[in-house]
Protein backbone atom coordinates (compact mmCIF):
# COMPACT_ATOMS: atom_id res chain seq x y z
CA UNK A 1 5.22 47.25 29.74
CA UNK A 2 7.61 45.04 27.79
CA UNK A 3 10.90 46.28 26.26
CA UNK A 4 13.31 45.16 23.62
CA UNK A 5 16.65 44.89 25.46
CA UNK A 6 17.23 45.59 29.20
CA UNK A 7 14.41 47.36 31.00
CA UNK A 8 15.25 51.01 31.82
CA UNK A 9 15.67 52.19 35.43
CA UNK A 10 14.44 55.78 35.26
CA UNK A 11 15.99 58.13 37.94
CA UNK A 12 17.71 55.30 39.83
CA UNK A 13 21.54 55.06 40.23
CA UNK A 14 22.75 51.73 41.63
CA UNK A 15 26.10 51.03 43.27
CA UNK A 16 27.77 47.92 41.95
CA UNK A 17 28.98 45.29 44.39
CA UNK A 18 32.76 45.53 45.10
CA UNK A 19 34.80 43.30 42.81
CA UNK A 20 38.31 44.35 43.97
CA UNK A 21 38.73 41.11 45.87
CA UNK A 22 39.13 39.40 42.48
CA UNK A 23 41.89 41.75 41.25
CA UNK A 24 45.14 39.84 40.75
CA UNK A 25 46.91 41.66 37.93
CA UNK A 26 45.84 39.06 35.29
CA UNK A 27 42.04 38.91 35.24
CA UNK A 28 40.37 41.53 33.02
CA UNK A 29 36.68 40.37 32.93
CA UNK A 30 34.37 40.61 35.93
CA UNK A 31 30.64 40.10 36.54
CA UNK A 32 28.62 43.14 37.50
CA UNK A 33 26.10 42.60 40.32
CA UNK A 34 23.88 44.72 42.48
CA UNK A 35 22.93 43.07 45.74
CA UNK A 36 24.37 39.79 44.35
CA UNK A 37 22.12 39.94 41.29
CA UNK A 38 23.57 40.26 37.80
CA UNK A 39 23.03 43.67 36.31
CA UNK A 40 23.37 44.85 32.71
CA UNK A 41 24.04 48.58 32.35
CA UNK A 42 23.29 48.42 28.63
CA UNK A 43 26.47 50.19 27.46
CA UNK A 44 29.85 51.43 28.73
CA UNK A 45 28.47 54.94 29.06
CA UNK A 46 25.75 53.79 31.46
CA UNK A 47 28.20 52.95 34.28
CA UNK A 48 30.83 54.99 36.13
CA UNK A 49 33.94 52.98 37.05
CA UNK A 50 36.74 54.09 39.43
CA UNK A 51 39.98 52.19 40.11
CA UNK A 52 42.25 53.43 42.95
CA UNK A 53 40.20 56.61 43.08
CA UNK A 54 40.72 57.36 39.38
CA UNK A 55 37.61 57.50 37.14
CA UNK A 56 38.12 55.32 34.09
CA UNK A 57 37.38 56.35 30.51
CA UNK A 58 34.38 54.30 29.13
CA UNK A 59 35.05 52.52 25.88
CA UNK A 60 38.79 53.05 26.26
CA UNK A 61 39.67 51.74 29.68
CA UNK A 62 36.73 49.32 29.88
CA UNK A 63 33.75 47.91 27.93
CA UNK A 64 30.43 46.41 28.99
CA UNK A 65 28.60 43.49 27.38
CA UNK A 66 25.45 42.49 29.20
CA UNK A 67 26.58 41.95 32.83
CA UNK A 68 30.29 41.54 32.05
CA UNK A 69 32.77 44.39 32.72
CA UNK A 70 36.04 44.01 30.79
CA UNK A 71 39.12 46.17 31.52
CA UNK A 72 41.70 46.97 28.89
CA UNK A 73 44.45 46.46 31.52
CA UNK A 74 44.10 43.90 34.30
CA UNK A 75 43.68 45.68 37.67
CA UNK A 76 46.51 45.06 40.15
CA UNK A 77 45.92 43.26 43.42
CA UNK A 78 44.96 45.62 46.24
CA UNK A 79 43.58 48.27 43.93
CA UNK A 80 40.26 49.73 45.13
CA UNK A 81 37.07 49.60 42.97
CA UNK A 82 33.92 51.69 42.78
CA UNK A 83 31.11 51.31 40.20
CA UNK A 84 27.79 53.09 39.74
CA UNK A 85 25.11 52.06 37.23
CA UNK A 86 23.40 55.24 36.10
CA UNK A 87 19.63 55.59 36.04
CA UNK A 88 18.22 55.62 32.44
CA UNK A 89 15.72 57.91 30.77
CA UNK A 90 12.68 56.42 28.95
CA UNK A 91 12.71 56.87 25.15
CA UNK A 92 9.06 57.06 24.09
CA UNK A 93 9.81 57.15 20.38
CA UNK A 94 8.94 54.13 18.16
CA UNK A 95 11.55 51.53 17.22
CA UNK A 96 12.94 52.46 13.82
CA UNK A 97 11.82 50.36 10.83
CA UNK A 98 14.06 47.39 10.02
CA UNK A 99 16.07 47.99 13.19
CA UNK A 100 15.20 44.77 15.09
CA UNK A 101 17.42 41.88 13.93
CA UNK A 102 17.27 38.12 14.59
CA UNK A 103 20.15 38.54 17.04
CA UNK A 104 17.93 40.71 19.24
CA UNK A 105 15.30 37.96 19.60
CA UNK A 106 16.00 35.16 22.04
CA UNK A 107 16.23 31.68 20.54
CA UNK A 108 13.92 30.45 23.28
CA UNK A 109 11.29 33.08 22.60
CA UNK A 110 7.79 31.62 22.08
CA UNK A 111 5.72 34.17 20.17
CA UNK A 112 2.01 33.43 20.58
CA UNK A 113 -0.01 32.93 17.42
CA UNK A 114 -2.40 35.62 18.58
CA UNK A 115 0.48 38.11 18.25
CA UNK A 116 0.76 37.40 14.49
CA UNK A 117 -1.80 38.69 12.03
CA UNK A 118 -3.67 35.81 10.31
CA UNK A 119 -3.38 37.58 6.98
CA UNK A 120 0.10 37.33 5.45
CA UNK A 121 -1.12 39.02 2.25
CA UNK A 122 1.08 38.13 -0.68
CA UNK A 123 4.07 37.17 1.48
CA UNK A 124 5.61 33.70 1.14
CA UNK A 125 5.90 31.50 4.23
CA UNK A 126 9.02 29.40 3.75
CA UNK A 127 10.06 26.58 6.04
CA UNK A 128 12.13 23.43 5.81
CA UNK A 129 10.70 22.18 9.07
CA UNK A 130 7.26 21.22 10.33
CA UNK A 131 4.28 23.57 10.51
CA UNK A 132 3.11 22.21 13.84
CA UNK A 133 1.01 19.19 14.75
CA UNK A 134 -2.41 20.69 14.14
CA UNK A 135 -4.47 21.04 10.96
CA UNK A 136 -3.20 23.37 8.23
CA UNK A 137 -5.68 25.52 6.33
CA UNK A 138 -4.48 27.33 3.21
CA UNK A 139 -6.45 29.80 1.13
CA UNK A 140 -4.75 31.16 -1.96
CA UNK A 141 -7.27 33.96 -2.30
CA UNK A 142 -8.04 33.01 -5.91
CA UNK A 143 -11.46 31.89 -7.11
CA UNK A 144 -12.25 28.24 -6.32
CA UNK A 145 -8.61 27.48 -5.47
CA UNK A 146 -8.00 26.62 -1.82
CA UNK A 147 -4.35 25.61 -2.00
CA UNK A 148 -1.56 25.42 -4.55
CA UNK A 149 1.64 23.41 -4.18
CA UNK A 150 4.30 24.23 -6.76
CA UNK A 151 7.64 22.55 -7.45
CA UNK A 152 10.32 23.91 -9.77
CA UNK A 153 11.63 20.36 -10.33
CA UNK A 154 10.24 17.63 -12.60
CA UNK A 155 7.61 16.16 -10.32
CA UNK A 156 5.66 17.70 -7.44
CA UNK A 157 4.92 15.44 -4.47
CA UNK A 158 2.64 15.70 -1.47
CA UNK A 159 3.65 13.06 1.10
CA UNK A 160 1.13 11.84 3.69
CA UNK A 161 2.74 10.00 6.60
CA UNK A 162 1.24 8.43 9.71
CA UNK A 163 2.82 6.19 12.35
CA UNK A 164 3.01 3.17 10.02
CA UNK A 165 3.31 4.14 6.34
CA UNK A 166 3.79 6.93 3.81
CA UNK A 167 1.70 7.60 0.70
CA UNK A 168 2.19 10.12 -2.09
CA UNK A 169 0.20 12.25 -4.51
CA UNK A 170 2.50 13.23 -7.38
CA UNK A 171 2.18 15.34 -10.51
CA UNK A 172 4.88 14.20 -12.92
CA UNK A 173 4.69 15.80 -16.35
CA UNK A 174 1.30 14.85 -17.77
CA UNK A 175 0.82 12.02 -15.26
CA UNK A 176 -0.96 12.23 -11.91
CA UNK A 177 0.17 9.45 -9.60
CA UNK A 178 -1.61 8.35 -6.44
CA UNK A 179 0.73 6.01 -4.57
CA UNK A 180 -0.36 3.98 -1.58
CA UNK A 181 2.48 2.84 0.70
CA UNK A 182 5.23 4.69 -1.20
CA UNK A 183 8.01 2.89 0.67
CA UNK A 184 6.43 -0.57 0.08
CA UNK A 185 6.53 -1.32 3.78
CA UNK A 186 3.05 -2.88 3.88
CA UNK A 187 2.34 -5.93 1.71
CA UNK A 188 -1.44 -5.38 1.76
CA UNK A 189 -1.91 -1.66 1.10
CA UNK A 190 -5.03 -0.39 -0.70
CA UNK A 191 -6.53 2.76 -2.15
CA UNK A 192 -10.13 3.34 -1.03
CA UNK A 193 -12.72 5.78 -2.36
CA UNK A 194 -15.36 6.79 0.17
CA UNK A 195 -18.62 8.73 -0.19
CA UNK A 196 -20.78 9.68 2.82
CA UNK A 197 -18.44 7.77 5.16
CA UNK A 198 -18.94 4.56 3.18
CA UNK A 199 -16.33 2.84 1.00
CA UNK A 200 -17.67 2.65 -2.56
CA UNK A 201 -14.58 1.42 -4.41
CA UNK A 202 -11.31 -0.27 -3.40
CA UNK A 203 -8.13 -0.90 -5.38
CA UNK A 204 -6.30 -3.63 -3.51
CA UNK A 205 -2.62 -4.65 -3.42
CA UNK A 206 -3.17 -7.25 -6.16
CA UNK A 207 -4.59 -4.69 -8.59
CA UNK A 208 -8.19 -5.89 -8.17
CA UNK A 209 -10.82 -3.15 -8.50
CA UNK A 210 -13.67 -3.86 -6.06
CA UNK A 211 -16.95 -1.94 -6.31
CA UNK A 212 -19.45 -2.24 -3.47
CA UNK A 213 -17.12 -4.37 -1.33
CA UNK A 214 -13.51 -4.45 -0.14
CA UNK A 215 -12.49 -8.13 -0.09
CA UNK A 216 -11.77 -9.92 -3.38
CA UNK A 217 -13.12 -13.43 -3.91
CA UNK A 218 -13.22 -16.03 -6.67
CA UNK A 219 -16.42 -16.29 -8.74
CA UNK A 220 -17.10 -18.98 -11.40
CA UNK A 221 -13.61 -20.46 -10.96
CA UNK A 222 -10.62 -20.32 -8.62
CA UNK A 223 -9.26 -16.98 -9.92
CA UNK A 224 -9.98 -13.59 -8.36
CA UNK A 225 -11.25 -11.54 -11.33
CA UNK A 226 -9.67 -8.10 -11.91
CA UNK A 227 -12.95 -6.12 -11.67
CA UNK A 228 -15.57 -7.25 -9.14
CA UNK A 229 -19.00 -5.75 -8.41
CA UNK A 230 -21.08 -6.81 -5.39
CA UNK A 231 -24.31 -5.42 -3.91
CA UNK A 232 -27.41 -6.55 -2.05
CA UNK A 233 -29.80 -5.26 -4.72
CA UNK A 234 -29.98 -4.42 -8.43
CA UNK A 235 -26.85 -2.29 -8.03
CA UNK A 236 -24.93 -5.51 -8.68
CA UNK A 237 -25.00 -4.74 -12.38
CA UNK A 238 -23.10 -3.20 -15.27
CA UNK A 239 -24.63 -0.93 -17.88
CA UNK A 240 -23.06 0.22 -21.15
CA UNK A 241 -24.93 2.86 -23.15
CA UNK A 242 -24.02 4.51 -26.43
CA UNK A 243 -25.66 7.78 -27.45
CA UNK A 244 -24.99 8.56 -31.11
CA UNK A 245 -27.15 9.73 -34.00
CA UNK A 246 -26.54 6.59 -36.06
CA UNK A 247 -27.22 2.86 -36.03
CA UNK A 248 -24.15 2.01 -33.92
CA UNK A 249 -24.49 0.36 -30.52
CA UNK A 250 -22.20 -0.20 -27.53
CA UNK A 251 -19.55 -2.94 -27.43
CA UNK A 252 -18.45 -5.55 -24.93
CA UNK A 253 -15.22 -6.91 -26.41
CA UNK A 254 -13.19 -9.98 -25.37
CA UNK A 255 -9.83 -10.59 -27.04
CA UNK A 256 -7.11 -13.24 -27.04
CA UNK A 257 -3.54 -13.47 -28.39
CA UNK A 258 -0.76 -15.99 -27.89
CA UNK A 259 1.75 -13.25 -27.00
CA UNK A 260 3.47 -13.57 -23.63
CA UNK A 261 3.54 -9.80 -23.11
CA UNK A 262 0.92 -7.05 -22.76
CA UNK A 263 0.05 -5.43 -26.09
CA UNK A 264 1.16 -8.43 -28.18
CA UNK A 265 -0.57 -9.75 -31.32
CA UNK A 266 0.80 -13.27 -31.71
CA UNK A 267 -1.65 -15.28 -33.84
CA UNK A 268 -4.02 -17.71 -32.09
CA UNK A 269 -4.54 -21.36 -33.08
CA UNK A 270 -7.62 -23.32 -34.03
CA UNK A 271 -9.43 -24.40 -30.88
CA UNK A 272 -8.12 -21.51 -28.74
CA UNK A 273 -10.70 -19.95 -26.43
CA UNK A 274 -11.33 -16.31 -27.43
CA UNK A 275 -13.58 -15.52 -24.48
CA UNK A 276 -15.97 -17.01 -21.93
CA UNK A 277 -19.10 -15.75 -20.22
CA UNK A 278 -19.75 -17.88 -17.14
CA UNK A 279 -22.77 -18.11 -14.83
CA UNK A 280 -22.23 -19.29 -11.25
CA UNK A 281 -24.33 -19.59 -8.10
CA UNK A 282 -23.58 -19.94 -4.40
CA UNK A 283 -23.72 -23.57 -3.27
CA UNK A 284 -23.53 -22.89 0.47
CA UNK A 285 -19.72 -22.96 0.46
CA UNK A 286 -18.61 -20.52 -2.25
CA UNK A 287 -19.58 -19.17 -5.68
CA UNK A 288 -16.95 -21.05 -7.68
CA UNK A 289 -19.03 -23.79 -9.38
CA UNK A 290 -20.40 -22.78 -12.80
CA UNK A 291 -23.95 -23.54 -13.90
CA UNK A 292 -23.56 -22.48 -17.55
CA UNK A 293 -20.99 -21.16 -20.04
CA UNK A 294 -21.03 -19.37 -23.37
CA UNK A 295 -17.61 -19.85 -24.99
CA UNK A 296 -16.16 -18.32 -28.16
CA UNK A 297 -13.41 -20.34 -29.86
CA UNK A 298 -11.28 -20.29 -33.00
CA UNK A 299 -12.87 -22.70 -35.51
CA UNK A 300 -10.22 -23.18 -38.21
CA UNK A 301 -6.85 -21.74 -39.18
CA UNK A 302 -6.73 -17.95 -38.68
CA UNK A 303 -4.79 -15.52 -40.85
CA UNK A 304 -4.44 -11.81 -41.46
CA UNK A 305 -7.95 -10.31 -41.07
CA UNK A 306 -9.33 -13.87 -41.07
CA UNK A 307 -10.68 -15.26 -37.79
CA UNK A 308 -13.03 -18.27 -38.15
CA UNK A 309 -15.00 -18.75 -34.96
CA UNK A 310 -17.59 -20.86 -33.21
CA UNK A 311 -19.84 -20.49 -30.17
CA UNK A 312 -20.37 -23.27 -27.65
CA UNK A 313 -23.30 -23.24 -25.22
CA UNK A 314 -22.90 -25.43 -22.11
CA UNK A 315 -24.99 -26.20 -19.02
CA UNK A 316 -24.24 -28.21 -15.90
CA UNK A 317 -26.51 -31.25 -15.32
CA UNK A 318 -28.16 -31.91 -11.97
CA UNK A 319 -25.59 -33.50 -9.67
CA UNK A 320 -22.71 -32.24 -11.80
CA UNK A 321 -20.04 -29.60 -11.15
CA UNK A 322 -18.88 -28.75 -14.69
CA UNK A 323 -20.83 -27.45 -17.70
CA UNK A 324 -21.41 -29.87 -20.59
CA UNK A 325 -21.68 -28.63 -24.18
CA UNK A 326 -25.27 -28.70 -25.41
CA UNK A 327 -25.19 -26.68 -28.62
CA UNK A 328 -22.58 -25.40 -31.07
CA UNK A 329 -22.70 -22.79 -33.85
CA UNK A 330 -19.76 -23.47 -36.18
CA UNK A 331 -17.88 -21.06 -38.45
CA UNK A 332 -20.03 -22.16 -41.43
CA UNK A 333 -23.28 -21.40 -39.55
CA UNK A 334 -24.17 -25.04 -38.84
CA UNK A 335 -25.98 -25.54 -35.55
CA UNK A 336 -25.30 -28.85 -33.82
CA UNK A 337 -25.90 -30.37 -30.41
CA UNK A 338 -22.70 -32.37 -29.95
CA UNK A 339 -23.55 -34.01 -26.65
CA UNK A 340 -27.30 -34.32 -27.09
CA UNK A 341 -28.62 -37.85 -26.88
CA UNK A 342 -28.96 -39.28 -30.40
CA UNK A 343 -28.47 -42.54 -32.33
CA UNK A 344 -28.55 -43.35 -36.05
CA UNK A 345 -28.78 -46.85 -37.61
CA UNK A 346 -27.91 -47.22 -41.31
CA UNK A 347 -27.73 -49.95 -43.92
CA UNK A 348 -30.69 -52.22 -43.14
CA UNK A 349 -29.94 -55.91 -43.40
CA UNK A 350 -31.25 -57.08 -46.83
CA UNK A 351 -34.23 -59.30 -46.14
CA UNK A 352 -36.83 -60.83 -48.47
CA UNK A 353 -40.37 -61.39 -47.32
CA UNK A 354 -39.92 -59.96 -43.80
CA UNK A 355 -42.08 -61.55 -41.14
CA UNK A 356 -45.10 -59.62 -39.99
CA UNK A 357 -44.20 -56.92 -37.43
CA UNK A 358 -40.63 -58.18 -37.16
CA UNK A 359 -38.26 -55.27 -36.28
CA UNK A 360 -35.76 -54.46 -39.01
CA UNK A 361 -32.08 -54.93 -38.30
CA UNK A 362 -29.31 -52.56 -39.41
CA UNK A 363 -25.63 -53.17 -39.97
CA UNK A 364 -24.38 -49.59 -39.52
CA UNK A 365 -24.17 -47.46 -36.37
CA UNK A 366 -23.20 -43.98 -37.56
CA UNK A 367 -23.98 -41.93 -34.42
CA UNK A 368 -24.28 -42.87 -30.77
CA UNK A 369 -24.23 -40.08 -28.12
CA UNK A 370 -25.70 -39.02 -24.83
CA UNK A 371 -26.51 -42.41 -23.34
CA UNK A 372 -28.63 -43.86 -26.15
CA UNK A 373 -28.55 -47.67 -26.12
CA UNK A 374 -28.91 -50.17 -28.99
CA UNK A 375 -29.83 -53.85 -28.65
CA UNK A 376 -31.43 -56.85 -30.37
CA UNK A 377 -28.81 -57.02 -33.15
CA UNK A 378 -29.05 -53.27 -33.79
CA UNK A 379 -32.81 -53.18 -34.24
CA UNK A 380 -33.82 -51.42 -31.01
CA UNK A 381 -32.97 -47.91 -29.65
CA UNK A 382 -33.57 -47.22 -25.93
CA UNK A 383 -33.80 -43.57 -24.80
CA UNK A 384 -31.85 -42.56 -21.66
CA UNK A 385 -34.07 -39.80 -20.26
CA UNK A 386 -37.59 -38.43 -20.31
CA UNK A 387 -38.07 -35.73 -22.93
CA UNK A 388 -39.15 -34.77 -26.42
CA UNK A 389 -37.54 -36.76 -29.25
CA UNK A 390 -37.24 -36.39 -33.00
CA UNK A 391 -37.69 -39.78 -34.75
CA UNK A 392 -36.98 -40.30 -38.43
CA UNK A 393 -36.80 -43.45 -40.59
CA UNK A 394 -36.61 -44.45 -44.25
CA UNK A 395 -36.67 -47.77 -46.11
CA UNK A 396 -36.74 -48.63 -49.81
CA UNK A 397 -36.58 -51.77 -51.87
CA UNK A 398 -38.47 -53.88 -54.42
CA UNK A 399 -41.96 -55.48 -54.44
CA UNK A 400 -41.34 -58.69 -56.34
CA UNK A 401 -44.99 -59.69 -57.10
CA UNK A 402 -47.22 -57.94 -59.67
CA UNK A 403 -50.71 -57.95 -58.16
CA UNK A 404 -52.13 -54.49 -57.61
CA UNK A 405 -53.13 -55.45 -54.10
CA UNK A 406 -49.63 -56.50 -53.13
CA UNK A 407 -47.58 -54.08 -51.03
CA UNK A 408 -45.79 -53.43 -47.74
CA UNK A 409 -46.54 -51.71 -44.43
CA UNK A 410 -43.99 -49.62 -42.49
CA UNK A 411 -44.55 -49.11 -38.75
CA UNK A 412 -42.96 -47.39 -35.75
CA UNK A 413 -43.07 -49.55 -32.65
CA UNK A 414 -42.76 -48.36 -29.02
CA UNK A 415 -42.04 -50.92 -26.32
CA UNK A 416 -43.08 -53.73 -28.73
CA UNK A 417 -46.36 -52.22 -30.05
CA UNK A 418 -47.27 -50.02 -33.00
CA UNK A 419 -47.14 -46.42 -31.83
CA UNK A 420 -48.97 -44.16 -31.82
CA UNK A 421 -52.35 -45.78 -32.31
CA UNK A 422 -53.44 -43.39 -35.03
CA UNK A 423 -54.05 -43.33 -38.75
CA UNK A 424 -50.38 -42.49 -39.36
CA UNK A 425 -49.12 -46.01 -38.77
CA UNK A 426 -48.76 -48.32 -40.46
CA UNK A 427 -47.73 -46.52 -43.66
CA UNK A 428 -48.58 -48.60 -46.74
CA UNK A 429 -47.46 -48.70 -50.37
CA UNK A 430 -48.51 -50.99 -53.28
CA UNK A 431 -46.92 -52.30 -56.45
CA UNK A 432 -48.51 -52.62 -59.89
CA UNK A 433 -45.90 -54.52 -61.87
CA UNK A 434 -43.16 -56.95 -61.06
CA UNK A 435 -40.11 -55.50 -59.37
CA UNK A 436 -41.74 -52.18 -58.59
CA UNK A 437 -39.61 -49.96 -56.35
CA UNK A 438 -41.06 -48.73 -53.10
CA UNK A 439 -39.89 -45.85 -50.89
CA UNK A 440 -41.33 -45.09 -47.44
CA UNK A 441 -40.14 -42.50 -44.90
CA UNK A 442 -41.49 -40.62 -41.89
CA UNK A 443 -40.43 -37.99 -39.32
CA UNK A 444 -42.31 -37.55 -36.04
CA UNK A 445 -41.80 -35.75 -32.72
CA UNK A 446 -42.89 -37.72 -29.64
CA UNK A 447 -42.69 -37.36 -25.86
CA UNK A 448 -40.96 -40.40 -24.38
CA UNK A 449 -40.13 -41.65 -20.91
CA UNK A 450 -36.69 -42.82 -19.81
CA UNK A 451 -35.99 -46.43 -20.93
CA UNK A 452 -38.71 -46.48 -23.59
CA UNK A 453 -37.43 -48.37 -26.65
CA UNK A 454 -38.25 -47.85 -30.31
CA UNK A 455 -38.15 -50.11 -33.39
CA UNK A 456 -39.30 -49.99 -37.04
CA UNK A 457 -40.98 -52.95 -38.77
CA UNK A 458 -41.82 -53.84 -42.41
CA UNK A 459 -44.77 -56.25 -43.13
CA UNK A 460 -46.02 -57.80 -46.39
CA UNK A 461 -49.55 -57.07 -47.61
CA UNK A 462 -51.53 -60.01 -48.99
CA UNK A 463 -49.25 -62.36 -50.90
CA UNK A 464 -46.62 -59.85 -51.93
CA UNK A 465 -42.97 -60.57 -51.74
CA UNK A 466 -40.68 -57.65 -50.88
CA UNK A 467 -37.10 -57.06 -49.97
CA UNK A 468 -35.36 -54.27 -48.00
CA UNK A 469 -32.29 -52.74 -49.66
CA UNK A 470 -31.68 -49.22 -48.28
CA UNK A 471 -32.67 -47.04 -45.27
CA UNK A 472 -31.92 -45.59 -41.87
CA UNK A 473 -33.47 -45.23 -38.43
CA UNK A 474 -32.61 -42.18 -36.22
CA UNK A 475 -33.70 -40.96 -32.74
CA UNK A 476 -32.55 -37.66 -31.16
CA UNK A 477 -33.44 -35.82 -27.92
CA UNK A 478 -34.45 -32.23 -28.71
CA UNK A 479 -35.72 -30.97 -25.35
């Protein structure tokens, strides 16, 4: 049976070892022993002490604290000593409430957890130390609340520390902060979100949000984009849905300002890029090279609530590494193909009585793009690539003679011959009186092969005399 304080010795009186050999007239404190073992009577009244044959008065002539006997007056040398520790009765009554103090519990006492009830009820457990090295389970007893951590200061922190770094979850006013590597000791810390033991989302040290993977990489350029989605199936996608009982739909908005700070609204300039949608594919090395772009730009001088814009559509040719503009929609709604192959001759050289099937020459070259070639004193257009072409031409002038059978023929020639061999060419017109005006034009769409060349020719009919005064000849690749 365990006891608080010294264990009682019921019915047993014990003679204390003689201590008179230590009497010298100056020492007052002596150690009580029985058979050379320290003994603690418990109080002054639990030991009988005699000096020189005279019984001493407990509490007056001496006191006892644990195993130390202290005399009020130092015993003289040669004085005899006798001590008897009295046997104690057993008090079977309960310890009085609130009678055991901290001083009565040894500082080295290790109270087993099994000796403490697991239910502390509504009592607070307060500590400024550590609650052990094992797991801590807290149940507040309230519905659906497992643990509550409350701070009376502005800001409540939960610090999580391992052997290399510390992170923090903090409630500060209306803000909830999740801080990875609070002390900034690791240059590459991350915050990861896992489901079913698999990382689904990572926020890395550069502020990149990665979904479906954990390592940022550059796509469609040399910059790591802020939000990246990767998967091995159709999960590599982004969906935006609006559910509203009206005609409105969801938005994907791209914006640009010339401000040097976040939240700025400094006006943009004409030609500034407002946003780009890029398409890239893996080339065996990386996914940086773009195959196509859709670019929105400022198309004019902007002002308050006035933002003229244009769209440019670009694709990368085979063997190339950068997209080339193929089509443009300007702020006025005009649709053009700035870099599509095309060539326009204007101002035909004035000629009277042109020779039969002789190609007309032109003095003006208004447009030349995309590899089109002109030759033979600006009478021939050579196409650079196989494709479908739009061909248009016009000539006008005067038929000098008056016979009703006199006229002119207008022909399209491919690689030196009238083309196509159909009823369309040559196109003829006749005069009825002297100096009649004639006007001939055509527009056709033809499939051509790279390096085919085209010409237009004007030929007299019968004995007519004609001259060429105005016109044009144009060829453009359309697909």
